[in-house]
């Protein structure tokens, strides 16, 4: 089952961006996995062709907590899991795992991607730490920004965040910068924006919560 966070008013989507040379912002797609977990796929979007993705950087949490789950068996710093998917996670488990990518290949999340020095997993494997980034580790094979997405135009997959079903839709918002270039050139272009994961309660649901709270106070 797939639900686009761009489509529903109850679902959080990209909320702000600074446009540059065709960048139109981030979008998030919400999927329910075979294991019953909630998977959020984060895409960067453009409205023009002929672009090559370089890196994502200066990640920062603005509100909430990511609380991502990991399925891979990488062990370091007393934790199990890493944001760099690859040989440490099987193809069958990839949909249940959280990872970042600069390659744009949804079927092979770790190919061509590397974590920059600002990406520290120690003690933060459930959340991407502030200042983290990831980049194209195979510059000889350009990561072209491809056609696709619910917004139309062109997009590249940047991250997959999977949460356990119990707290899967808690709202959280994040900031991220990115760089890219026009194919055949060497000049980097920069953009930035925010994206959210989780569900925003509809106005009716919020009113019902208020009524429930009032009824609880009256009973006490």
N, C-alpha and C. Protein backbone atom coordinates (compact mmCIF):
# COMPACT_ATOMS: atom_id res chain seq x y z
N UNK A 1 0.86 -1.19 0.00
CA UNK A 1 0.00 0.00 0.00
C UNK A 1 0.89 1.23 0.00
N UNK A 2 0.59 2.20 -0.88
CA UNK A 2 1.41 3.39 -1.01
C UNK A 2 0.51 4.61 -0.89
N UNK A 3 0.92 5.56 -0.07
CA UNK A 3 0.22 6.82 0.05
C UNK A 3 1.22 7.94 -0.14
N UNK A 4 0.92 8.87 -1.02
CA UNK A 4 1.83 10.00 -1.22
C UNK A 4 1.55 11.05 -0.17
N UNK A 5 2.61 11.56 0.47
CA UNK A 5 2.45 12.62 1.45
C UNK A 5 2.15 13.95 0.80
N UNK A 6 2.27 14.00 -0.53
CA UNK A 6 1.96 15.24 -1.23
C UNK A 6 0.46 15.35 -1.42
N UNK A 7 -0.22 14.21 -1.54
CA UNK A 7 -1.61 14.20 -1.95
C UNK A 7 -2.57 14.53 -0.83
N UNK A 8 -2.42 13.95 0.37
CA UNK A 8 -3.44 14.07 1.40
C UNK A 8 -3.21 15.25 2.32
N UNK A 9 -4.31 15.92 2.69
CA UNK A 9 -4.17 17.06 3.60
C UNK A 9 -3.83 16.60 5.00
N UNK A 10 -4.07 15.32 5.32
CA UNK A 10 -3.76 14.81 6.65
C UNK A 10 -2.30 14.40 6.77
N UNK A 11 -1.61 14.32 5.64
CA UNK A 11 -0.25 13.81 5.67
C UNK A 11 0.75 14.94 5.47
N UNK A 12 1.85 14.86 6.20
CA UNK A 12 2.87 15.92 6.11
C UNK A 12 3.70 15.72 4.86
N UNK A 13 4.03 16.79 4.18
CA UNK A 13 4.85 16.74 2.98
C UNK A 13 5.94 17.78 3.09
N UNK A 14 6.65 18.01 1.98
CA UNK A 14 7.65 19.07 1.98
C UNK A 14 6.96 20.39 2.26
N UNK A 15 7.48 21.14 3.22
CA UNK A 15 6.76 22.34 3.64
C UNK A 15 7.45 23.65 3.23
N UNK A 16 8.69 23.58 2.84
CA UNK A 16 9.36 24.81 2.43
C UNK A 16 10.60 24.47 1.64
N UNK A 17 11.00 25.37 0.76
CA UNK A 17 12.24 25.15 0.04
C UNK A 17 12.72 26.47 -0.54
N UNK A 18 14.00 26.52 -0.82
CA UNK A 18 14.58 27.67 -1.50
C UNK A 18 14.94 27.20 -2.90
N UNK A 19 14.26 27.72 -3.89
CA UNK A 19 14.43 27.21 -5.25
C UNK A 19 15.73 27.72 -5.86
N UNK A 20 16.33 26.87 -6.69
CA UNK A 20 17.54 27.25 -7.42
C UNK A 20 17.65 26.36 -8.64
N UNK A 21 17.64 26.99 -9.82
CA UNK A 21 17.87 26.28 -11.08
C UNK A 21 17.01 25.04 -11.22
N UNK A 22 15.73 25.19 -10.94
CA UNK A 22 14.81 24.09 -11.19
C UNK A 22 14.45 23.24 -10.00
N UNK A 23 15.09 23.42 -8.85
CA UNK A 23 14.74 22.63 -7.66
C UNK A 23 13.38 23.10 -7.14
N UNK A 24 12.45 22.15 -6.93
CA UNK A 24 11.10 22.51 -6.51
C UNK A 24 10.77 22.05 -5.10
N UNK A 25 11.71 21.40 -4.41
CA UNK A 25 11.49 21.01 -3.03
C UNK A 25 11.54 19.52 -2.82
N UNK A 26 11.38 19.12 -1.57
CA UNK A 26 11.39 17.70 -1.20
C UNK A 26 9.95 17.18 -1.14
N UNK A 27 9.81 15.90 -1.39
CA UNK A 27 8.52 15.24 -1.23
C UNK A 27 8.75 13.92 -0.51
N UNK A 28 7.72 13.41 0.14
CA UNK A 28 7.83 12.20 0.93
C UNK A 28 6.70 11.24 0.55
N UNK A 29 7.06 10.01 0.32
CA UNK A 29 6.08 8.97 0.00
C UNK A 29 5.99 7.99 1.16
N UNK A 30 4.79 7.73 1.64
CA UNK A 30 4.55 6.85 2.77
C UNK A 30 4.08 5.49 2.29
N UNK A 31 4.79 4.43 2.70
CA UNK A 31 4.46 3.07 2.30
C UNK A 31 4.30 2.19 3.54
N UNK A 32 3.42 1.22 3.47
CA UNK A 32 3.31 0.19 4.50
C UNK A 32 4.06 -1.03 4.03
N UNK A 33 5.04 -1.48 4.80
CA UNK A 33 5.89 -2.59 4.37
C UNK A 33 5.21 -3.93 4.63
N UNK A 34 5.81 -4.98 4.06
CA UNK A 34 5.29 -6.33 4.26
C UNK A 34 5.36 -6.73 5.73
N UNK A 35 6.32 -6.14 6.47
CA UNK A 35 6.46 -6.44 7.89
C UNK A 35 5.54 -5.62 8.78
N UNK A 36 4.69 -4.78 8.19
CA UNK A 36 3.76 -3.97 8.97
C UNK A 36 4.36 -2.68 9.50
N UNK A 37 5.55 -2.32 9.06
CA UNK A 37 6.17 -1.06 9.46
C UNK A 37 5.82 0.04 8.46
N UNK A 38 6.10 1.28 8.84
CA UNK A 38 5.83 2.41 7.96
C UNK A 38 7.14 2.92 7.39
N UNK A 39 7.19 2.99 6.08
CA UNK A 39 8.39 3.40 5.34
C UNK A 39 8.13 4.77 4.71
N UNK A 40 9.04 5.70 4.95
CA UNK A 40 8.97 7.02 4.32
C UNK A 40 10.14 7.16 3.35
N UNK A 41 9.85 7.41 2.08
CA UNK A 41 10.89 7.63 1.09
C UNK A 41 10.95 9.12 0.77
N UNK A 42 12.14 9.70 0.93
CA UNK A 42 12.34 11.13 0.76
C UNK A 42 12.97 11.39 -0.60
N UNK A 43 12.32 12.22 -1.41
CA UNK A 43 12.81 12.56 -2.75
C UNK A 43 13.10 14.05 -2.84
N UNK A 44 14.12 14.40 -3.63
CA UNK A 44 14.35 15.79 -4.04
C UNK A 44 13.82 15.92 -5.47
N UNK A 45 13.16 17.03 -5.76
CA UNK A 45 12.45 17.21 -7.03
C UNK A 45 12.95 18.44 -7.79
N UNK A 46 12.98 18.31 -9.12
CA UNK A 46 13.34 19.40 -10.02
C UNK A 46 12.34 19.47 -11.16
N UNK A 47 12.32 20.61 -11.85
CA UNK A 47 11.39 20.75 -12.97
C UNK A 47 12.11 20.85 -14.31
N UNK A 48 13.37 20.42 -14.35
CA UNK A 48 14.09 20.44 -15.61
C UNK A 48 14.98 19.22 -15.73
N UNK A 49 15.29 18.84 -16.95
CA UNK A 49 16.11 17.66 -17.23
C UNK A 49 17.58 18.03 -17.32
N UNK A 50 18.42 17.02 -17.51
CA UNK A 50 19.84 17.24 -17.73
C UNK A 50 20.63 17.63 -16.50
N UNK A 51 20.17 17.20 -15.30
CA UNK A 51 20.85 17.53 -14.05
C UNK A 51 21.48 16.27 -13.44
N UNK A 52 22.56 16.47 -12.71
CA UNK A 52 23.29 15.38 -12.06
C UNK A 52 23.38 15.68 -10.57
N UNK A 53 22.98 14.72 -9.73
CA UNK A 53 23.02 14.93 -8.28
C UNK A 53 24.42 14.71 -7.74
N UNK A 54 24.84 15.57 -6.76
CA UNK A 54 26.17 15.47 -6.16
C UNK A 54 26.11 15.02 -4.70
N UNK A 55 25.43 15.79 -3.84
CA UNK A 55 25.39 15.38 -2.43
C UNK A 55 24.26 16.06 -1.66
N UNK A 56 23.96 15.48 -0.50
CA UNK A 56 23.05 16.07 0.48
C UNK A 56 23.86 16.36 1.72
N UNK A 57 23.58 17.49 2.41
CA UNK A 57 24.43 17.86 3.54
C UNK A 57 23.70 18.82 4.47
N UNK A 58 24.35 19.09 5.62
CA UNK A 58 23.80 20.00 6.64
C UNK A 58 22.41 19.56 7.11
N UNK A 59 22.22 18.26 7.26
CA UNK A 59 20.97 17.75 7.78
C UNK A 59 20.74 18.31 9.20
N UNK A 60 19.49 18.64 9.53
CA UNK A 60 19.17 19.12 10.88
C UNK A 60 17.74 18.78 11.23
N UNK A 61 17.52 18.33 12.47
CA UNK A 61 16.17 18.09 12.97
C UNK A 61 15.58 19.41 13.43
N UNK A 62 14.39 19.75 12.92
CA UNK A 62 13.73 20.98 13.33
C UNK A 62 12.69 20.75 14.41
N UNK A 63 12.02 19.61 14.35
CA UNK A 63 11.05 19.28 15.39
C UNK A 63 10.80 17.78 15.39
N UNK A 64 10.41 17.25 16.54
CA UNK A 64 10.12 15.83 16.64
C UNK A 64 11.37 14.97 16.69
N UNK A 65 11.16 13.67 16.56
CA UNK A 65 12.24 12.69 16.59
C UNK A 65 12.06 11.70 15.45
N UNK A 66 13.13 11.36 14.76
CA UNK A 66 13.03 10.44 13.64
C UNK A 66 12.71 9.02 14.10
N UNK A 67 13.44 8.53 15.09
CA UNK A 67 13.21 7.20 15.67
C UNK A 67 13.15 6.11 14.60
N UNK A 68 14.17 6.07 13.77
CA UNK A 68 14.22 5.11 12.67
C UNK A 68 14.63 3.72 13.14
N UNK A 69 14.14 2.69 12.47
CA UNK A 69 14.52 1.31 12.76
C UNK A 69 15.52 0.84 11.71
N UNK A 70 16.34 -0.14 12.09
CA UNK A 70 17.34 -0.69 11.18
C UNK A 70 17.24 -2.20 11.15
N UNK A 71 17.41 -2.75 9.95
CA UNK A 71 17.30 -4.18 9.74
C UNK A 71 18.66 -4.81 9.46
N UNK A 72 19.65 -4.00 9.13
CA UNK A 72 20.97 -4.54 8.77
C UNK A 72 21.72 -4.99 10.02
N UNK A 73 22.75 -5.79 9.81
CA UNK A 73 23.47 -6.39 10.93
C UNK A 73 24.82 -5.72 11.20
N UNK A 74 25.03 -4.50 10.67
CA UNK A 74 26.26 -3.77 10.93
C UNK A 74 26.34 -3.42 12.42
N UNK A 75 27.48 -3.66 13.04
CA UNK A 75 27.65 -3.41 14.47
C UNK A 75 28.83 -2.47 14.69
N UNK A 76 28.60 -1.38 15.41
CA UNK A 76 29.68 -0.44 15.75
C UNK A 76 29.22 0.44 16.89
N UNK A 77 30.15 0.83 17.74
CA UNK A 77 29.86 1.75 18.85
C UNK A 77 28.74 1.23 19.75
N UNK A 78 28.66 -0.09 19.88
CA UNK A 78 27.64 -0.66 20.75
C UNK A 78 26.24 -0.67 20.17
N UNK A 79 26.10 -0.35 18.89
CA UNK A 79 24.79 -0.31 18.25
C UNK A 79 24.72 -1.31 17.11
N UNK A 80 23.51 -1.65 16.72
CA UNK A 80 23.29 -2.48 15.54
C UNK A 80 22.57 -1.64 14.50
N UNK A 81 23.18 -1.51 13.36
CA UNK A 81 22.58 -0.74 12.28
C UNK A 81 23.46 0.39 11.81
N UNK A 82 23.30 0.77 10.55
CA UNK A 82 24.02 1.89 9.97
C UNK A 82 23.14 2.55 8.92
N UNK A 83 23.36 3.82 8.69
CA UNK A 83 22.60 4.52 7.66
C UNK A 83 23.17 4.23 6.27
N UNK A 84 24.31 3.58 6.19
CA UNK A 84 24.86 3.22 4.89
C UNK A 84 24.48 1.79 4.58
N UNK A 85 23.47 1.61 3.76
CA UNK A 85 23.03 0.25 3.39
C UNK A 85 23.98 -0.30 2.33
N UNK A 86 24.03 -1.59 2.25
CA UNK A 86 24.89 -2.24 1.28
C UNK A 86 24.96 -3.72 1.58
N UNK A 87 26.16 -4.22 1.75
CA UNK A 87 26.33 -5.66 1.99
C UNK A 87 25.81 -6.09 3.35
N UNK A 88 25.58 -5.14 4.26
CA UNK A 88 25.13 -5.50 5.61
C UNK A 88 23.62 -5.69 5.70
N UNK A 89 22.91 -5.57 4.60
CA UNK A 89 21.47 -5.82 4.59
C UNK A 89 21.12 -6.59 3.33
N UNK A 90 20.28 -7.60 3.47
CA UNK A 90 19.90 -8.42 2.32
C UNK A 90 18.87 -7.68 1.48
N UNK A 91 18.73 -8.08 0.24
CA UNK A 91 17.75 -7.46 -0.65
C UNK A 91 16.34 -7.62 -0.11
N UNK A 92 16.04 -8.74 0.52
CA UNK A 92 14.70 -8.98 1.06
C UNK A 92 14.40 -8.11 2.27
N UNK A 93 15.45 -7.68 2.99
CA UNK A 93 15.27 -6.86 4.19
C UNK A 93 15.36 -5.36 3.91
N UNK A 94 15.75 -4.99 2.70
CA UNK A 94 16.02 -3.58 2.42
C UNK A 94 14.80 -2.70 2.65
N UNK A 95 13.61 -3.20 2.34
CA UNK A 95 12.40 -2.39 2.50
C UNK A 95 12.10 -2.10 3.96
N UNK A 96 12.63 -2.92 4.88
CA UNK A 96 12.38 -2.73 6.31
C UNK A 96 13.50 -1.96 7.00
N UNK A 97 14.48 -1.49 6.23
CA UNK A 97 15.69 -0.87 6.78
C UNK A 97 15.72 0.62 6.47
N UNK A 98 16.36 1.39 7.35
CA UNK A 98 16.54 2.83 7.12
C UNK A 98 17.93 3.08 6.56
N UNK A 99 18.01 3.93 5.51
CA UNK A 99 19.30 4.21 4.88
C UNK A 99 19.22 5.52 4.10
N UNK A 100 20.38 6.04 3.74
CA UNK A 100 20.45 7.22 2.87
C UNK A 100 21.16 6.83 1.59
N UNK A 101 20.90 7.58 0.53
CA UNK A 101 21.52 7.28 -0.76
C UNK A 101 21.67 8.54 -1.59
N UNK A 102 22.73 8.59 -2.37
CA UNK A 102 22.91 9.66 -3.35
C UNK A 102 22.85 9.10 -4.76
N UNK A 103 22.63 7.80 -4.87
CA UNK A 103 22.64 7.17 -6.19
C UNK A 103 21.29 7.25 -6.87
N UNK A 104 20.23 7.40 -6.07
CA UNK A 104 18.90 7.45 -6.66
C UNK A 104 18.34 6.10 -7.04
N UNK A 105 19.04 5.01 -6.72
CA UNK A 105 18.57 3.68 -7.09
C UNK A 105 17.80 3.08 -5.93
N UNK A 106 16.47 3.07 -6.04
CA UNK A 106 15.64 2.58 -4.95
C UNK A 106 15.81 1.09 -4.73
N UNK A 107 16.29 0.36 -5.74
CA UNK A 107 16.45 -1.09 -5.60
C UNK A 107 17.83 -1.48 -5.09
N UNK A 108 18.74 -0.53 -5.02
CA UNK A 108 20.09 -0.82 -4.54
C UNK A 108 20.58 0.39 -3.76
N UNK A 109 20.11 0.51 -2.52
CA UNK A 109 20.22 1.76 -1.79
C UNK A 109 21.64 2.23 -1.54
N UNK A 110 22.58 1.31 -1.36
CA UNK A 110 23.91 1.73 -0.99
C UNK A 110 24.85 1.96 -2.16
N UNK A 111 24.45 1.55 -3.35
CA UNK A 111 25.37 1.65 -4.49
C UNK A 111 25.73 3.11 -4.79
N UNK A 112 27.03 3.38 -4.86
CA UNK A 112 27.49 4.69 -5.27
C UNK A 112 27.34 5.78 -4.23
N UNK A 113 27.02 5.42 -2.98
CA UNK A 113 26.80 6.44 -1.95
C UNK A 113 27.75 6.25 -0.79
N UNK A 114 28.15 7.35 -0.17
CA UNK A 114 29.04 7.29 0.99
C UNK A 114 28.61 8.36 1.99
N UNK A 115 28.89 8.10 3.27
CA UNK A 115 28.59 9.06 4.33
C UNK A 115 29.75 10.02 4.50
N UNK A 116 29.47 11.32 4.67
CA UNK A 116 30.56 12.27 4.86
C UNK A 116 31.01 12.28 6.33
N UNK A 117 32.14 12.94 6.64
CA UNK A 117 32.67 12.90 8.01
C UNK A 117 31.72 13.46 9.07
N UNK A 118 30.75 14.28 8.67
CA UNK A 118 29.80 14.82 9.63
C UNK A 118 28.74 13.84 10.05
N UNK A 119 28.72 12.65 9.43
CA UNK A 119 27.71 11.64 9.72
C UNK A 119 28.25 10.71 10.78
N UNK A 120 27.81 10.90 12.04
CA UNK A 120 28.28 10.09 13.16
C UNK A 120 27.17 9.16 13.62
N UNK A 121 27.40 7.84 13.51
CA UNK A 121 26.37 6.89 13.92
C UNK A 121 26.39 6.62 15.43
N UNK A 122 27.51 6.83 16.08
CA UNK A 122 27.62 6.46 17.48
C UNK A 122 26.57 7.12 18.36
N UNK A 123 25.69 6.31 18.94
CA UNK A 123 24.67 6.82 19.82
C UNK A 123 23.48 7.45 19.13
N UNK A 124 23.50 7.52 17.80
CA UNK A 124 22.42 8.20 17.10
C UNK A 124 21.90 7.39 15.92
N UNK A 125 22.03 6.08 15.96
CA UNK A 125 21.64 5.30 14.80
C UNK A 125 20.14 5.40 14.52
N UNK A 126 19.34 5.73 15.53
CA UNK A 126 17.91 5.92 15.32
C UNK A 126 17.57 7.26 14.71
N UNK A 127 18.50 8.20 14.71
CA UNK A 127 18.27 9.53 14.16
C UNK A 127 19.51 9.98 13.40
N UNK A 128 19.32 10.64 12.28
CA UNK A 128 20.45 11.23 11.56
C UNK A 128 20.90 12.46 12.36
N UNK A 129 22.18 12.53 12.68
CA UNK A 129 22.65 13.63 13.52
C UNK A 129 22.73 14.94 12.74
N UNK A 130 22.60 16.05 13.46
CA UNK A 130 22.71 17.37 12.85
C UNK A 130 24.09 17.54 12.23
N UNK A 131 24.12 18.11 11.04
CA UNK A 131 25.37 18.33 10.32
C UNK A 131 25.75 17.20 9.40
N UNK A 132 25.00 16.11 9.40
CA UNK A 132 25.34 14.94 8.58
C UNK A 132 25.10 15.20 7.10
N UNK A 133 25.77 14.40 6.30
CA UNK A 133 25.58 14.48 4.85
C UNK A 133 25.99 13.19 4.18
N UNK A 134 25.63 13.04 2.93
CA UNK A 134 26.04 11.88 2.15
C UNK A 134 26.21 12.32 0.70
N UNK A 135 27.00 11.54 -0.07
CA UNK A 135 27.40 12.03 -1.39
C UNK A 135 27.59 10.89 -2.38
N UNK A 136 27.68 11.29 -3.64
CA UNK A 136 27.93 10.36 -4.74
C UNK A 136 29.39 9.93 -4.66
N UNK A 137 29.60 8.64 -4.40
CA UNK A 137 30.97 8.13 -4.27
C UNK A 137 31.53 7.61 -5.59
N UNK A 138 30.78 7.74 -6.67
CA UNK A 138 31.25 7.27 -7.98
C UNK A 138 31.11 8.40 -9.00
N UNK A 139 31.92 9.45 -8.88
CA UNK A 139 31.77 10.59 -9.79
C UNK A 139 31.99 10.24 -11.25
N UNK A 140 32.69 9.13 -11.50
CA UNK A 140 32.88 8.71 -12.89
C UNK A 140 31.63 8.17 -13.53
N UNK A 141 30.62 7.86 -12.69
CA UNK A 141 29.32 7.40 -13.19
C UNK A 141 28.27 8.38 -12.67
N UNK A 142 27.98 9.43 -13.42
CA UNK A 142 27.09 10.48 -12.93
C UNK A 142 25.72 9.95 -12.51
N UNK A 143 25.23 10.47 -11.41
CA UNK A 143 23.90 10.10 -10.91
C UNK A 143 22.87 11.05 -11.48
N UNK A 144 22.38 10.73 -12.66
CA UNK A 144 21.43 11.59 -13.34
C UNK A 144 20.12 11.64 -12.57
N UNK A 145 19.53 12.83 -12.50
CA UNK A 145 18.23 13.02 -11.87
C UNK A 145 17.17 12.63 -12.89
N UNK A 146 16.38 11.60 -12.55
CA UNK A 146 15.52 10.95 -13.54
C UNK A 146 14.09 11.46 -13.52
N UNK A 147 13.38 11.16 -14.58
CA UNK A 147 11.95 11.48 -14.67
C UNK A 147 11.19 10.63 -13.66
N UNK A 148 10.15 11.21 -13.07
CA UNK A 148 9.29 10.41 -12.20
C UNK A 148 8.73 11.18 -11.04
N UNK A 149 7.85 10.53 -10.29
CA UNK A 149 7.33 11.11 -9.07
C UNK A 149 5.93 11.63 -9.19
N UNK A 150 5.26 11.73 -8.05
CA UNK A 150 3.88 12.20 -8.02
C UNK A 150 3.78 13.68 -8.37
N UNK A 151 4.88 14.42 -8.22
CA UNK A 151 4.87 15.83 -8.58
C UNK A 151 5.16 16.05 -10.06
N UNK A 152 5.48 14.97 -10.79
CA UNK A 152 5.91 15.12 -12.16
C UNK A 152 7.33 15.61 -12.20
N UNK A 153 7.81 15.97 -13.36
CA UNK A 153 9.16 16.51 -13.46
C UNK A 153 10.22 15.45 -13.22
N UNK A 154 11.23 15.79 -12.41
CA UNK A 154 12.41 14.95 -12.23
C UNK A 154 12.72 14.83 -10.74
N UNK A 155 13.21 13.68 -10.32
CA UNK A 155 13.47 13.48 -8.89
C UNK A 155 14.58 12.47 -8.67
N UNK A 156 15.09 12.46 -7.44
CA UNK A 156 16.08 11.46 -7.02
C UNK A 156 15.77 11.07 -5.58
N UNK A 157 15.88 9.79 -5.28
CA UNK A 157 15.65 9.29 -3.93
C UNK A 157 16.86 9.61 -3.07
N UNK A 158 16.63 10.19 -1.88
CA UNK A 158 17.72 10.58 -0.99
C UNK A 158 17.77 9.77 0.30
N UNK A 159 16.65 9.27 0.76
CA UNK A 159 16.65 8.55 2.04
C UNK A 159 15.41 7.67 2.15
N UNK A 160 15.56 6.61 2.91
CA UNK A 160 14.42 5.78 3.30
C UNK A 160 14.43 5.69 4.83
N UNK A 161 13.34 6.10 5.44
CA UNK A 161 13.21 6.09 6.89
C UNK A 161 12.08 5.13 7.24
N UNK A 162 12.39 4.09 8.01
CA UNK A 162 11.38 3.11 8.40
C UNK A 162 11.16 3.20 9.90
N UNK A 163 9.91 3.23 10.31
CA UNK A 163 9.56 3.27 11.73
C UNK A 163 8.71 2.05 12.07
N UNK A 164 8.80 1.61 13.32
CA UNK A 164 7.92 0.55 13.80
C UNK A 164 6.49 1.05 13.81
N UNK A 165 5.54 0.15 13.62
CA UNK A 165 4.15 0.55 13.46
C UNK A 165 3.60 1.30 14.67
N UNK A 166 4.13 1.04 15.87
CA UNK A 166 3.60 1.68 17.08
C UNK A 166 3.71 3.19 17.09
N UNK A 167 4.84 3.75 16.59
CA UNK A 167 5.02 5.20 16.59
C UNK A 167 5.30 5.72 15.19
N UNK A 168 4.81 5.00 14.19
CA UNK A 168 5.20 5.26 12.81
C UNK A 168 4.77 6.63 12.30
N UNK A 169 3.69 7.19 12.82
CA UNK A 169 3.16 8.42 12.26
C UNK A 169 3.32 9.63 13.18
N UNK A 170 4.25 9.56 14.12
CA UNK A 170 4.57 10.74 14.93
C UNK A 170 5.21 11.79 14.02
N UNK A 171 4.75 13.02 14.11
CA UNK A 171 5.20 14.06 13.19
C UNK A 171 6.60 14.56 13.56
N UNK A 172 7.47 14.68 12.55
CA UNK A 172 8.81 15.23 12.73
C UNK A 172 9.21 15.95 11.45
N UNK A 173 9.96 17.04 11.60
CA UNK A 173 10.35 17.87 10.45
C UNK A 173 11.86 18.04 10.43
N UNK A 174 12.43 18.00 9.22
CA UNK A 174 13.89 18.03 9.05
C UNK A 174 14.28 19.00 7.94
N UNK A 175 15.49 19.53 8.07
CA UNK A 175 16.07 20.46 7.08
C UNK A 175 17.22 19.77 6.38
N UNK A 176 17.38 20.06 5.08
CA UNK A 176 18.46 19.43 4.32
C UNK A 176 18.86 20.32 3.15
N UNK A 177 20.17 20.45 2.94
CA UNK A 177 20.68 21.14 1.76
C UNK A 177 21.14 20.09 0.75
N UNK A 178 21.25 20.49 -0.51
CA UNK A 178 21.74 19.57 -1.54
C UNK A 178 22.51 20.33 -2.60
N UNK A 179 23.34 19.61 -3.33
CA UNK A 179 24.05 20.21 -4.46
C UNK A 179 23.92 19.30 -5.67
N UNK A 180 23.98 19.91 -6.83
CA UNK A 180 23.84 19.20 -8.10
C UNK A 180 24.47 20.05 -9.19
N UNK A 181 24.48 19.59 -10.40
CA UNK A 181 25.06 20.37 -11.48
C UNK A 181 24.34 20.05 -12.78
N UNK A 182 24.54 20.89 -13.76
CA UNK A 182 24.04 20.61 -15.10
C UNK A 182 25.00 19.61 -15.73
N UNK A 183 24.46 18.57 -16.35
CA UNK A 183 25.30 17.54 -16.97
C UNK A 183 26.30 18.16 -17.94
N UNK A 184 27.55 17.70 -17.85
CA UNK A 184 28.59 18.20 -18.73
C UNK A 184 29.30 19.44 -18.22
N UNK A 185 28.90 19.94 -17.04
CA UNK A 185 29.55 21.10 -16.45
C UNK A 185 30.22 20.70 -15.14
N UNK A 186 30.95 21.62 -14.53
CA UNK A 186 31.64 21.35 -13.27
C UNK A 186 31.18 22.29 -12.15
N UNK A 187 30.25 23.19 -12.42
CA UNK A 187 29.81 24.16 -11.43
C UNK A 187 28.67 23.58 -10.59
N UNK A 188 28.88 23.54 -9.28
CA UNK A 188 27.84 23.02 -8.38
C UNK A 188 26.76 24.07 -8.14
N UNK A 189 25.52 23.62 -8.09
CA UNK A 189 24.37 24.45 -7.76
C UNK A 189 23.82 23.97 -6.42
N UNK A 190 23.25 24.88 -5.65
CA UNK A 190 22.82 24.53 -4.29
C UNK A 190 21.36 24.89 -4.05
N UNK A 191 20.68 24.03 -3.28
CA UNK A 191 19.31 24.29 -2.87
C UNK A 191 19.12 23.78 -1.46
N UNK A 192 18.02 24.13 -0.85
CA UNK A 192 17.73 23.70 0.51
C UNK A 192 16.23 23.66 0.73
N UNK A 193 15.81 22.96 1.76
CA UNK A 193 14.40 22.90 2.06
C UNK A 193 14.15 22.04 3.28
N UNK A 194 12.89 21.84 3.62
CA UNK A 194 12.50 20.99 4.73
C UNK A 194 11.54 19.93 4.24
N UNK A 195 11.46 18.83 4.99
CA UNK A 195 10.47 17.80 4.73
C UNK A 195 10.00 17.24 6.06
N UNK A 196 8.82 16.65 6.04
CA UNK A 196 8.24 16.09 7.26
C UNK A 196 7.83 14.65 7.04
N UNK A 197 7.92 13.87 8.11
CA UNK A 197 7.37 12.52 8.10
C UNK A 197 6.34 12.45 9.23
N UNK A 198 5.33 11.61 9.05
CA UNK A 198 4.28 11.50 10.05
C UNK A 198 2.96 12.02 9.53
N UNK A 199 1.96 12.00 10.37
CA UNK A 199 0.61 12.38 10.00
C UNK A 199 0.17 13.60 10.78
N UNK A 200 -0.36 14.59 10.08
CA UNK A 200 -0.94 15.77 10.72
C UNK A 200 -2.41 15.49 10.96
N UNK A 201 -2.91 15.52 12.22
CA UNK A 201 -4.33 15.25 12.47
C UNK A 201 -5.23 16.22 11.71
N UNK A 202 -6.31 15.70 11.15
CA UNK A 202 -7.29 16.56 10.48
C UNK A 202 -7.98 17.45 11.51
N UNK A 203 -8.52 18.61 11.09
CA UNK A 203 -9.19 19.51 12.05
C UNK A 203 -10.27 18.80 12.86
N UNK A 204 -11.05 17.91 12.22
CA UNK A 204 -12.09 17.19 12.94
C UNK A 204 -11.52 16.28 14.01
N UNK A 205 -10.40 15.63 13.68
CA UNK A 205 -9.77 14.75 14.65
C UNK A 205 -9.23 15.53 15.83
N UNK A 206 -8.68 16.71 15.56
CA UNK A 206 -8.15 17.55 16.64
C UNK A 206 -9.29 18.01 17.55
N UNK A 207 -10.46 18.30 16.96
CA UNK A 207 -11.60 18.72 17.77
C UNK A 207 -12.07 17.59 18.66
N UNK A 208 -12.08 16.38 18.11
CA UNK A 208 -12.48 15.22 18.90
C UNK A 208 -11.52 14.97 20.05
N UNK A 209 -10.22 15.18 19.80
CA UNK A 209 -9.25 15.03 20.87
C UNK A 209 -9.52 16.03 21.99
N UNK A 210 -9.90 17.26 21.61
CA UNK A 210 -10.21 18.27 22.61
C UNK A 210 -11.42 17.89 23.43
N UNK A 211 -12.46 17.35 22.78
CA UNK A 211 -13.65 16.91 23.49
C UNK A 211 -13.34 15.79 24.45
N UNK A 212 -12.49 14.85 23.99
CA UNK A 212 -12.11 13.73 24.84
C UNK A 212 -11.37 14.22 26.07
N UNK A 213 -10.48 15.19 25.89
CA UNK A 213 -9.74 15.74 27.01
C UNK A 213 -10.66 16.43 28.01
N UNK A 214 -11.65 17.17 27.49
CA UNK A 214 -12.60 17.85 28.35
C UNK A 214 -13.43 16.85 29.15
N UNK A 215 -13.86 15.78 28.46
CA UNK A 215 -14.66 14.76 29.15
C UNK A 215 -13.86 14.09 30.25
N UNK A 216 -12.56 13.87 29.99
CA UNK A 216 -11.70 13.25 31.00
C UNK A 216 -11.56 14.13 32.21
N UNK A 217 -11.45 15.46 32.03
CA UNK A 217 -11.33 16.38 33.15
C UNK A 217 -12.61 16.40 33.98
N UNK A 218 -13.77 16.32 33.28
CA UNK A 218 -15.04 16.32 33.99
C UNK A 218 -15.21 15.09 34.86
N UNK A 219 -14.75 13.93 34.33
CA UNK A 219 -14.88 12.70 35.11
C UNK A 219 -14.04 12.76 36.38
N UNK A 220 -12.86 13.44 36.28
CA UNK A 220 -12.01 13.53 37.46
C UNK A 220 -12.61 14.51 38.47
